[in-house]
Protein backbone atom coordinates (compact mmCIF):
# COMPACT_ATOMS: atom_id res chain seq x y z
CA ASN A 1 73.29 -53.32 -93.23
CA GLN A 2 71.75 -49.98 -92.73
CA HIS A 3 73.20 -50.23 -89.19
CA ARG A 4 76.86 -51.09 -90.30
CA THR A 5 76.55 -48.12 -92.99
CA ALA A 6 75.66 -45.61 -90.38
CA MET A 7 78.69 -46.83 -88.34
CA ASP A 8 81.19 -46.95 -91.30
CA SER A 9 79.97 -43.40 -91.89
CA ASN A 10 80.24 -42.21 -88.28
CA SER A 11 83.78 -44.05 -88.26
CA GLU A 12 84.61 -41.72 -91.24
CA ARG A 13 82.90 -38.69 -89.49
CA LEU A 14 85.32 -39.35 -86.31
CA GLU A 15 88.56 -39.98 -88.51
CA ARG A 16 87.83 -36.75 -90.23
CA SER A 17 87.55 -34.81 -86.62
CA SER A 18 90.18 -36.36 -85.38
CA LYS A 19 92.66 -35.46 -88.34
CA ARG A 20 91.45 -31.83 -88.18
CA LEU A 21 92.00 -32.18 -84.24
CA GLU A 22 95.66 -33.20 -85.01
CA ASP A 23 96.06 -30.42 -87.66
CA GLY A 24 94.80 -27.91 -85.35
CA TYR A 25 96.98 -29.35 -82.66
CA ARG A 26 99.86 -28.99 -84.79
CA MET A 27 99.11 -25.65 -86.15
CA ALA A 28 98.85 -24.50 -82.55
CA LEU A 29 102.36 -25.81 -81.42
CA GLU A 30 103.99 -24.06 -84.67
CA THR A 31 102.28 -21.03 -83.78
CA GLU A 32 103.73 -21.40 -80.18
CA GLU A 33 106.68 -22.04 -81.97
CA ILE A 34 106.97 -19.06 -84.33
CA GLY A 35 105.87 -16.86 -81.29
CA GLN A 36 108.40 -18.10 -78.49
CA SER A 37 110.86 -17.44 -81.76
CA VAL A 38 109.47 -13.57 -82.31
CA LEU A 39 109.56 -12.98 -78.17
CA ASN A 40 113.11 -14.38 -78.48
CA ASN A 41 114.03 -11.91 -81.11
CA LEU A 42 112.75 -8.78 -79.38
CA ALA A 43 114.35 -9.70 -76.28
CA GLN A 44 117.65 -9.49 -78.41
CA ASP A 45 116.96 -6.50 -80.02
CA ARG A 46 115.75 -5.17 -76.49
CA GLU A 47 119.12 -6.00 -75.49
CA LYS A 48 120.72 -4.51 -78.41
CA ILE A 49 118.37 -1.25 -78.15
CA GLN A 50 119.94 -0.58 -74.45
CA SER A 51 123.43 -1.13 -75.16
CA ALA A 52 123.28 1.17 -78.17
CA ARG A 53 121.36 3.68 -75.59
CA ASN A 54 124.34 3.05 -72.83
CA ARG A 55 126.98 3.44 -75.57
CA LEU A 56 125.39 6.92 -76.74
CA ASN A 57 125.13 8.01 -73.19
CA ASN A 58 128.77 7.63 -72.79
CA VAL A 59 129.37 9.30 -76.31
CA ASP A 60 127.27 12.35 -74.91
CA SER A 61 128.71 12.05 -71.49
CA SER A 62 132.07 12.29 -73.50
CA LEU A 63 131.20 15.18 -75.79
CA THR A 64 129.95 17.27 -72.67
CA GLN A 65 133.15 16.73 -71.21
CA SER A 66 135.37 17.43 -74.32
CA SER A 67 133.33 20.59 -75.12
CA ARG A 68 134.12 21.70 -71.57
CA LEU A 69 137.81 20.92 -72.16
CA LEU A 70 137.43 22.87 -75.52
CA ASN A 71 136.03 26.33 -74.31
CA ALA A 72 138.59 26.13 -71.61
CA MET A 73 141.55 25.92 -73.86
CA TYR A 74 139.69 28.73 -76.09
CA ARG A 75 139.69 30.91 -73.32
CA ARG A 76 143.08 30.16 -72.56
CA VAL A 77 143.88 30.99 -75.79
CA ILE A 78 142.25 34.34 -75.67
CA GLN A 79 143.80 34.86 -72.41
CA ASN A 80 147.55 34.70 -73.49
CA LYS A 81 146.58 36.22 -76.88
CA VAL A 82 145.43 39.16 -74.75
CA LEU A 83 148.46 38.99 -72.38
CA MET A 84 150.93 39.01 -75.17
CA PHE A 85 149.07 42.13 -76.47
CA ILE A 86 149.44 43.67 -73.17
CA VAL A 87 153.24 42.65 -72.97
CA GLY A 88 153.95 44.22 -76.46
CA ILE A 89 152.37 47.03 -75.72
CA VAL A 90 154.57 47.53 -72.57
CA ILE A 91 157.49 46.63 -74.29
CA VAL A 92 156.63 49.37 -76.90
CA VAL A 93 156.25 51.75 -74.21
CA ILE A 94 159.41 50.94 -72.88
CA ILE A 95 161.32 51.40 -75.73
CA VAL A 96 159.57 54.47 -76.59
CA LEU A 97 160.42 55.90 -73.29
CA ALA A 98 163.87 54.74 -73.81
CA LEU A 99 164.53 56.49 -76.90
CA TYR A 100 162.56 59.64 -75.44
CA GLY A 101 164.95 59.56 -72.89
CA MET A 102 167.86 58.97 -74.88
CA LEU A 103 167.19 61.70 -77.36
CA LYS A 104 166.38 64.23 -74.37
């Protein structure tokens, strides 16, 4: 009888231990699943960041080209204004010389 009680007690402990092992194994699987999900999310985020970085580099390159073009256009505008000013002065000088020649 005492032997039977000891065996029942050992069986119960073995069952509880088995249950704890199963629970631990299930928890380990869930943790692995969560970890894999986190890794997948991180990989997707990395791809998004790399894509955004590439787009930013393209935008930066485009802005650099645009800046160069605008600077060239600005220089051309200044050159045209200076040329128009010089042409205006030449015309005024020619008119003044023509008037001076007519009055003489």
